[in-house]
Amino acid sequence: MANVRVLLASDLPRLVSDMVERALEHAEGVELVGRAPGIGELEDAVRRTNAHVVVLGVREGAELPDDAARWIDRLPRLIGIAHQSGEAHVYVLRPEHTSAGALTADEVPQLIRALQGVNA
């Protein structure tokens, strides 16, 4: 089975981004394929890296950034991590939003692997 290809968005707080990146480095079946330089460049970065999952920052209340909300139908699965609380939210192409609750950086790879079973 091929690795799940993950792209990190640059809008994640640096500490959260670093923790997620370290967790992904050692995760089996998950490959970090890059970082999008800005939220506006996500769509091009997904196309360039062929990412399956994008991890990005969301506002409290699970609202996607305006740029991401506009083109959710053209992106792969999204995991939004709230800037303040660290809660994770999953978005898929329907669009569907499911709260994944509080999560640690070490749980991000598990959530990413679980997403491969959603709408596969």
N, C-alpha and C. Protein backbone atom coordinates (compact mmCIF):
# COMPACT_ATOMS: atom_id res chain seq x y z
N MET A 1 0.85 -1.18 0.00
CA MET A 1 0.00 0.00 0.00
C MET A 1 0.90 1.25 0.00
N ALA A 2 0.57 2.21 -0.81
CA ALA A 2 1.35 3.44 -0.93
C ALA A 2 1.17 4.31 0.31
N ASN A 3 2.19 5.12 0.58
CA ASN A 3 2.12 6.05 1.70
C ASN A 3 1.05 7.11 1.46
N VAL A 4 0.47 7.59 2.55
CA VAL A 4 -0.44 8.73 2.49
C VAL A 4 0.43 9.97 2.38
N ARG A 5 0.22 10.77 1.33
CA ARG A 5 1.03 11.95 1.05
C ARG A 5 0.38 13.17 1.73
N VAL A 6 1.16 13.84 2.61
CA VAL A 6 0.64 14.92 3.44
C VAL A 6 1.37 16.23 3.12
N LEU A 7 0.59 17.30 3.00
CA LEU A 7 1.11 18.64 2.77
C LEU A 7 0.73 19.50 3.97
N LEU A 8 1.69 20.23 4.52
CA LEU A 8 1.41 21.15 5.62
C LEU A 8 1.21 22.56 5.06
N ALA A 9 0.21 23.24 5.57
CA ALA A 9 -0.02 24.64 5.18
C ALA A 9 0.79 25.54 6.10
N SER A 10 1.26 26.64 5.58
CA SER A 10 2.12 27.55 6.35
C SER A 10 1.35 28.35 7.39
N ASP A 11 0.03 28.26 7.40
CA ASP A 11 -0.75 29.06 8.36
C ASP A 11 -0.83 28.40 9.74
N LEU A 12 -0.28 27.19 9.89
CA LEU A 12 -0.24 26.57 11.21
C LEU A 12 0.73 27.33 12.09
N PRO A 13 0.41 27.51 13.37
CA PRO A 13 1.41 28.12 14.26
C PRO A 13 2.69 27.29 14.21
N ARG A 14 3.83 27.95 14.28
CA ARG A 14 5.13 27.29 14.11
C ARG A 14 5.30 26.10 15.06
N LEU A 15 4.93 26.27 16.32
CA LEU A 15 5.08 25.19 17.29
C LEU A 15 4.25 23.97 16.89
N VAL A 16 3.00 24.20 16.49
CA VAL A 16 2.12 23.10 16.06
C VAL A 16 2.69 22.46 14.81
N SER A 17 3.11 23.26 13.86
CA SER A 17 3.67 22.76 12.62
C SER A 17 4.90 21.89 12.88
N ASP A 18 5.79 22.36 13.74
CA ASP A 18 7.00 21.59 14.06
C ASP A 18 6.65 20.27 14.73
N MET A 19 5.68 20.28 15.64
CA MET A 19 5.28 19.05 16.34
C MET A 19 4.67 18.05 15.36
N VAL A 20 3.81 18.53 14.47
CA VAL A 20 3.19 17.65 13.48
C VAL A 20 4.26 17.09 12.54
N GLU A 21 5.17 17.95 12.11
CA GLU A 21 6.23 17.50 11.20
C GLU A 21 7.08 16.41 11.86
N ARG A 22 7.47 16.60 13.11
CA ARG A 22 8.26 15.58 13.81
C ARG A 22 7.47 14.27 13.95
N ALA A 23 6.18 14.37 14.24
CA ALA A 23 5.36 13.16 14.37
C ALA A 23 5.25 12.41 13.04
N LEU A 24 5.15 13.16 11.94
CA LEU A 24 5.02 12.53 10.63
C LEU A 24 6.32 11.89 10.16
N GLU A 25 7.46 12.45 10.58
CA GLU A 25 8.77 11.91 10.18
C GLU A 25 8.92 10.44 10.56
N HIS A 26 8.33 10.04 11.67
CA HIS A 26 8.50 8.69 12.18
C HIS A 26 7.26 7.83 12.00
N ALA A 27 6.26 8.35 11.33
CA ALA A 27 5.00 7.61 11.18
C ALA A 27 5.07 6.65 9.99
N GLU A 28 4.69 5.44 10.25
CA GLU A 28 4.66 4.44 9.19
C GLU A 28 3.47 4.70 8.27
N GLY A 29 3.70 4.62 6.98
CA GLY A 29 2.63 4.76 6.01
C GLY A 29 2.24 6.19 5.70
N VAL A 30 2.99 7.16 6.23
CA VAL A 30 2.69 8.57 6.02
C VAL A 30 3.95 9.27 5.53
N GLU A 31 3.82 10.09 4.49
CA GLU A 31 4.97 10.79 3.92
C GLU A 31 4.66 12.29 3.84
N LEU A 32 5.50 13.10 4.48
CA LEU A 32 5.36 14.55 4.38
C LEU A 32 5.96 14.97 3.04
N VAL A 33 5.12 15.53 2.16
CA VAL A 33 5.59 15.88 0.81
C VAL A 33 5.92 17.35 0.65
N GLY A 34 5.69 18.16 1.68
CA GLY A 34 6.07 19.55 1.59
C GLY A 34 5.23 20.46 2.45
N ARG A 35 5.55 21.76 2.31
CA ARG A 35 4.83 22.83 2.99
C ARG A 35 4.37 23.83 1.93
N ALA A 36 3.13 24.21 1.99
CA ALA A 36 2.64 25.26 1.09
C ALA A 36 3.14 26.60 1.64
N PRO A 37 3.72 27.45 0.79
CA PRO A 37 4.28 28.72 1.26
C PRO A 37 3.23 29.68 1.80
N GLY A 38 1.99 29.51 1.40
CA GLY A 38 0.91 30.37 1.88
C GLY A 38 -0.42 29.70 1.60
N ILE A 39 -1.44 30.10 2.33
CA ILE A 39 -2.76 29.49 2.16
C ILE A 39 -3.27 29.68 0.74
N GLY A 40 -2.90 30.80 0.10
CA GLY A 40 -3.32 31.05 -1.27
C GLY A 40 -2.65 30.14 -2.28
N GLU A 41 -1.54 29.54 -1.90
CA GLU A 41 -0.80 28.64 -2.80
C GLU A 41 -1.12 27.17 -2.57
N LEU A 42 -2.05 26.88 -1.68
CA LEU A 42 -2.36 25.48 -1.35
C LEU A 42 -2.77 24.67 -2.57
N GLU A 43 -3.65 25.21 -3.37
CA GLU A 43 -4.16 24.44 -4.51
C GLU A 43 -3.02 24.04 -5.45
N ASP A 44 -2.12 24.97 -5.77
CA ASP A 44 -0.98 24.65 -6.63
C ASP A 44 -0.05 23.64 -5.97
N ALA A 45 0.17 23.80 -4.67
CA ALA A 45 1.05 22.88 -3.94
C ALA A 45 0.47 21.47 -3.92
N VAL A 46 -0.84 21.35 -3.77
CA VAL A 46 -1.48 20.03 -3.80
C VAL A 46 -1.28 19.39 -5.17
N ARG A 47 -1.48 20.14 -6.20
CA ARG A 47 -1.32 19.63 -7.57
C ARG A 47 0.14 19.20 -7.81
N ARG A 48 1.08 20.01 -7.37
CA ARG A 48 2.51 19.75 -7.58
C ARG A 48 3.00 18.53 -6.80
N THR A 49 2.49 18.34 -5.57
CA THR A 49 2.96 17.26 -4.70
C THR A 49 2.09 16.02 -4.75
N ASN A 50 0.91 16.14 -5.37
CA ASN A 50 -0.06 15.04 -5.40
C ASN A 50 -0.42 14.59 -3.98
N ALA A 51 -0.61 15.57 -3.09
CA ALA A 51 -0.93 15.28 -1.69
C ALA A 51 -2.33 14.67 -1.57
N HIS A 52 -2.47 13.75 -0.62
CA HIS A 52 -3.76 13.14 -0.30
C HIS A 52 -4.47 13.88 0.82
N VAL A 53 -3.68 14.45 1.73
CA VAL A 53 -4.21 15.13 2.92
C VAL A 53 -3.46 16.45 3.09
N VAL A 54 -4.21 17.50 3.45
CA VAL A 54 -3.61 18.80 3.77
C VAL A 54 -3.91 19.08 5.24
N VAL A 55 -2.87 19.47 5.99
CA VAL A 55 -3.05 19.87 7.38
C VAL A 55 -2.89 21.38 7.42
N LEU A 56 -3.94 22.09 7.90
CA LEU A 56 -3.91 23.54 7.92
C LEU A 56 -4.49 24.06 9.21
N GLY A 57 -4.26 25.33 9.49
CA GLY A 57 -4.81 25.97 10.68
C GLY A 57 -6.24 26.43 10.42
N VAL A 58 -7.08 26.34 11.46
CA VAL A 58 -8.45 26.85 11.38
C VAL A 58 -8.70 27.76 12.57
N ARG A 59 -9.69 28.61 12.42
CA ARG A 59 -10.09 29.47 13.53
C ARG A 59 -10.87 28.64 14.55
N GLU A 60 -10.94 29.13 15.76
CA GLU A 60 -11.76 28.44 16.76
C GLU A 60 -13.19 28.35 16.22
N GLY A 61 -13.87 27.30 16.50
CA GLY A 61 -15.19 27.07 15.94
C GLY A 61 -15.12 26.30 14.64
N ALA A 62 -13.94 25.86 14.26
CA ALA A 62 -13.71 24.98 13.11
C ALA A 62 -13.98 25.63 11.76
N GLU A 63 -13.89 26.95 11.67
CA GLU A 63 -14.08 27.61 10.39
C GLU A 63 -12.82 27.50 9.55
N LEU A 64 -12.99 27.04 8.31
CA LEU A 64 -11.87 27.00 7.39
C LEU A 64 -11.46 28.42 7.01
N PRO A 65 -10.19 28.65 6.73
CA PRO A 65 -9.79 29.96 6.20
C PRO A 65 -10.59 30.22 4.90
N ASP A 66 -10.90 31.49 4.64
CA ASP A 66 -11.73 31.83 3.48
C ASP A 66 -11.19 31.23 2.19
N ASP A 67 -9.87 31.31 1.96
CA ASP A 67 -9.29 30.77 0.73
C ASP A 67 -9.53 29.27 0.62
N ALA A 68 -9.37 28.54 1.72
CA ALA A 68 -9.57 27.09 1.69
C ALA A 68 -11.04 26.74 1.50
N ALA A 69 -11.94 27.49 2.14
CA ALA A 69 -13.37 27.21 2.02
C ALA A 69 -13.85 27.38 0.57
N ARG A 70 -13.24 28.31 -0.16
CA ARG A 70 -13.65 28.56 -1.55
C ARG A 70 -13.35 27.40 -2.47
N TRP A 71 -12.29 26.66 -2.20
CA TRP A 71 -11.94 25.59 -3.13
C TRP A 71 -11.81 24.23 -2.48
N ILE A 72 -12.61 23.98 -1.44
CA ILE A 72 -12.59 22.68 -0.77
C ILE A 72 -12.94 21.54 -1.73
N ASP A 73 -13.77 21.82 -2.72
CA ASP A 73 -14.15 20.75 -3.66
C ASP A 73 -13.00 20.35 -4.59
N ARG A 74 -11.93 21.13 -4.62
CA ARG A 74 -10.78 20.80 -5.49
C ARG A 74 -9.58 20.31 -4.70
N LEU A 75 -9.71 20.21 -3.38
CA LEU A 75 -8.60 19.77 -2.53
C LEU A 75 -8.84 18.35 -2.04
N PRO A 76 -7.78 17.68 -1.61
CA PRO A 76 -7.97 16.36 -0.99
C PRO A 76 -8.57 16.55 0.39
N ARG A 77 -8.51 15.55 1.19
CA ARG A 77 -9.02 15.63 2.55
C ARG A 77 -8.21 16.66 3.34
N LEU A 78 -8.91 17.36 4.23
CA LEU A 78 -8.26 18.39 5.03
C LEU A 78 -8.35 18.05 6.51
N ILE A 79 -7.29 18.32 7.24
CA ILE A 79 -7.33 18.29 8.70
C ILE A 79 -7.02 19.70 9.15
N GLY A 80 -7.98 20.31 9.83
CA GLY A 80 -7.77 21.65 10.37
C GLY A 80 -7.45 21.56 11.84
N ILE A 81 -6.41 22.24 12.27
CA ILE A 81 -6.04 22.27 13.68
C ILE A 81 -6.27 23.69 14.19
N ALA A 82 -7.13 23.81 15.20
CA ALA A 82 -7.46 25.13 15.74
C ALA A 82 -6.23 25.74 16.41
N HIS A 83 -5.99 27.01 16.12
CA HIS A 83 -4.79 27.71 16.58
C HIS A 83 -4.67 27.73 18.10
N GLN A 84 -5.74 28.00 18.82
CA GLN A 84 -5.66 28.14 20.27
C GLN A 84 -5.82 26.82 21.02
N SER A 85 -6.85 26.06 20.69
CA SER A 85 -7.17 24.86 21.47
C SER A 85 -6.43 23.62 21.01
N GLY A 86 -5.95 23.61 19.78
CA GLY A 86 -5.29 22.41 19.26
C GLY A 86 -6.27 21.32 18.84
N GLU A 87 -7.57 21.61 18.85
CA GLU A 87 -8.56 20.63 18.41
C GLU A 87 -8.44 20.41 16.92
N ALA A 88 -8.62 19.15 16.51
CA ALA A 88 -8.54 18.81 15.09
C ALA A 88 -9.94 18.66 14.52
N HIS A 89 -10.08 19.05 13.27
CA HIS A 89 -11.35 18.94 12.54
C HIS A 89 -11.04 18.37 11.17
N VAL A 90 -11.89 17.44 10.73
CA VAL A 90 -11.66 16.75 9.46
C VAL A 90 -12.68 17.24 8.44
N TYR A 91 -12.19 17.55 7.24
CA TYR A 91 -13.05 17.99 6.14
C TYR A 91 -12.78 17.07 4.95
N VAL A 92 -13.85 16.60 4.33
CA VAL A 92 -13.71 15.79 3.12
C VAL A 92 -14.54 16.43 2.02
N LEU A 93 -14.45 15.90 0.83
CA LEU A 93 -14.99 16.57 -0.36
C LEU A 93 -16.49 16.76 -0.43
N ARG A 94 -17.27 16.28 0.50
CA ARG A 94 -18.73 16.44 0.37
C ARG A 94 -19.21 17.87 0.47
N PRO A 95 -18.79 18.85 1.07
CA PRO A 95 -17.85 18.86 2.18
C PRO A 95 -18.51 18.34 3.44
N GLU A 96 -17.76 17.66 4.22
CA GLU A 96 -18.22 17.13 5.51
C GLU A 96 -17.23 17.56 6.57
N HIS A 97 -17.75 17.90 7.71
CA HIS A 97 -16.90 18.31 8.83
C HIS A 97 -17.23 17.43 10.01
N THR A 98 -16.22 16.83 10.59
CA THR A 98 -16.37 15.99 11.77
C THR A 98 -15.34 16.44 12.80
N SER A 99 -15.78 16.70 14.01
CA SER A 99 -14.82 17.06 15.04
C SER A 99 -14.05 15.82 15.45
N ALA A 100 -12.75 15.95 15.50
CA ALA A 100 -11.89 14.85 15.92
C ALA A 100 -11.43 15.03 17.37
N GLY A 101 -11.91 16.08 18.03
CA GLY A 101 -11.57 16.31 19.42
C GLY A 101 -10.15 16.78 19.61
N ALA A 102 -9.75 16.88 20.86
CA ALA A 102 -8.38 17.30 21.18
C ALA A 102 -7.42 16.22 20.71
N LEU A 103 -6.28 16.64 20.21
CA LEU A 103 -5.32 15.66 19.74
C LEU A 103 -3.92 16.12 19.98
N THR A 104 -3.04 15.16 20.15
CA THR A 104 -1.63 15.46 20.32
C THR A 104 -0.95 15.33 18.97
N ALA A 105 0.24 15.87 18.85
CA ALA A 105 0.99 15.76 17.59
C ALA A 105 1.21 14.30 17.23
N ASP A 106 1.44 13.46 18.22
CA ASP A 106 1.67 12.04 17.94
C ASP A 106 0.43 11.34 17.39
N GLU A 107 -0.76 11.91 17.60
CA GLU A 107 -1.99 11.31 17.10
C GLU A 107 -2.33 11.74 15.67
N VAL A 108 -1.63 12.77 15.16
CA VAL A 108 -1.90 13.26 13.81
C VAL A 108 -1.70 12.16 12.76
N PRO A 109 -0.59 11.39 12.80
CA PRO A 109 -0.43 10.33 11.79
C PRO A 109 -1.56 9.30 11.84
N GLN A 110 -2.03 8.97 13.04
CA GLN A 110 -3.13 8.01 13.17
C GLN A 110 -4.39 8.57 12.51
N LEU A 111 -4.67 9.85 12.72
CA LEU A 111 -5.83 10.49 12.11
C LEU A 111 -5.69 10.52 10.59
N ILE A 112 -4.48 10.78 10.10
CA ILE A 112 -4.24 10.81 8.66
C ILE A 112 -4.49 9.43 8.05
N ARG A 113 -3.96 8.39 8.69
CA ARG A 113 -4.19 7.03 8.18
C ARG A 113 -5.67 6.67 8.20
N ALA A 114 -6.38 7.10 9.24
CA ALA A 114 -7.82 6.83 9.33
C ALA A 114 -8.58 7.51 8.20
N LEU A 115 -8.10 8.69 7.77
CA LEU A 115 -8.77 9.39 6.67
C LEU A 115 -8.72 8.62 5.37
N GLN A 116 -7.72 7.81 5.18
CA GLN A 116 -7.63 7.04 3.94
C GLN A 116 -8.81 6.09 3.81
N GLY A 117 -9.43 5.69 4.91
CA GLY A 117 -10.60 4.83 4.86
C GLY A 117 -11.88 5.59 4.62
N VAL A 118 -11.85 6.91 4.77
CA VAL A 118 -13.04 7.76 4.56
C VAL A 118 -13.20 8.01 3.07
N ASN A 119 -14.30 7.62 2.51
CA ASN A 119 -14.60 7.88 1.09
C ASN A 119 -13.53 7.35 0.16
N ALA A 120 -12.85 6.29 0.53
CA ALA A 120 -11.79 5.76 -0.34
C ALA A 120 -12.38 5.05 -1.53
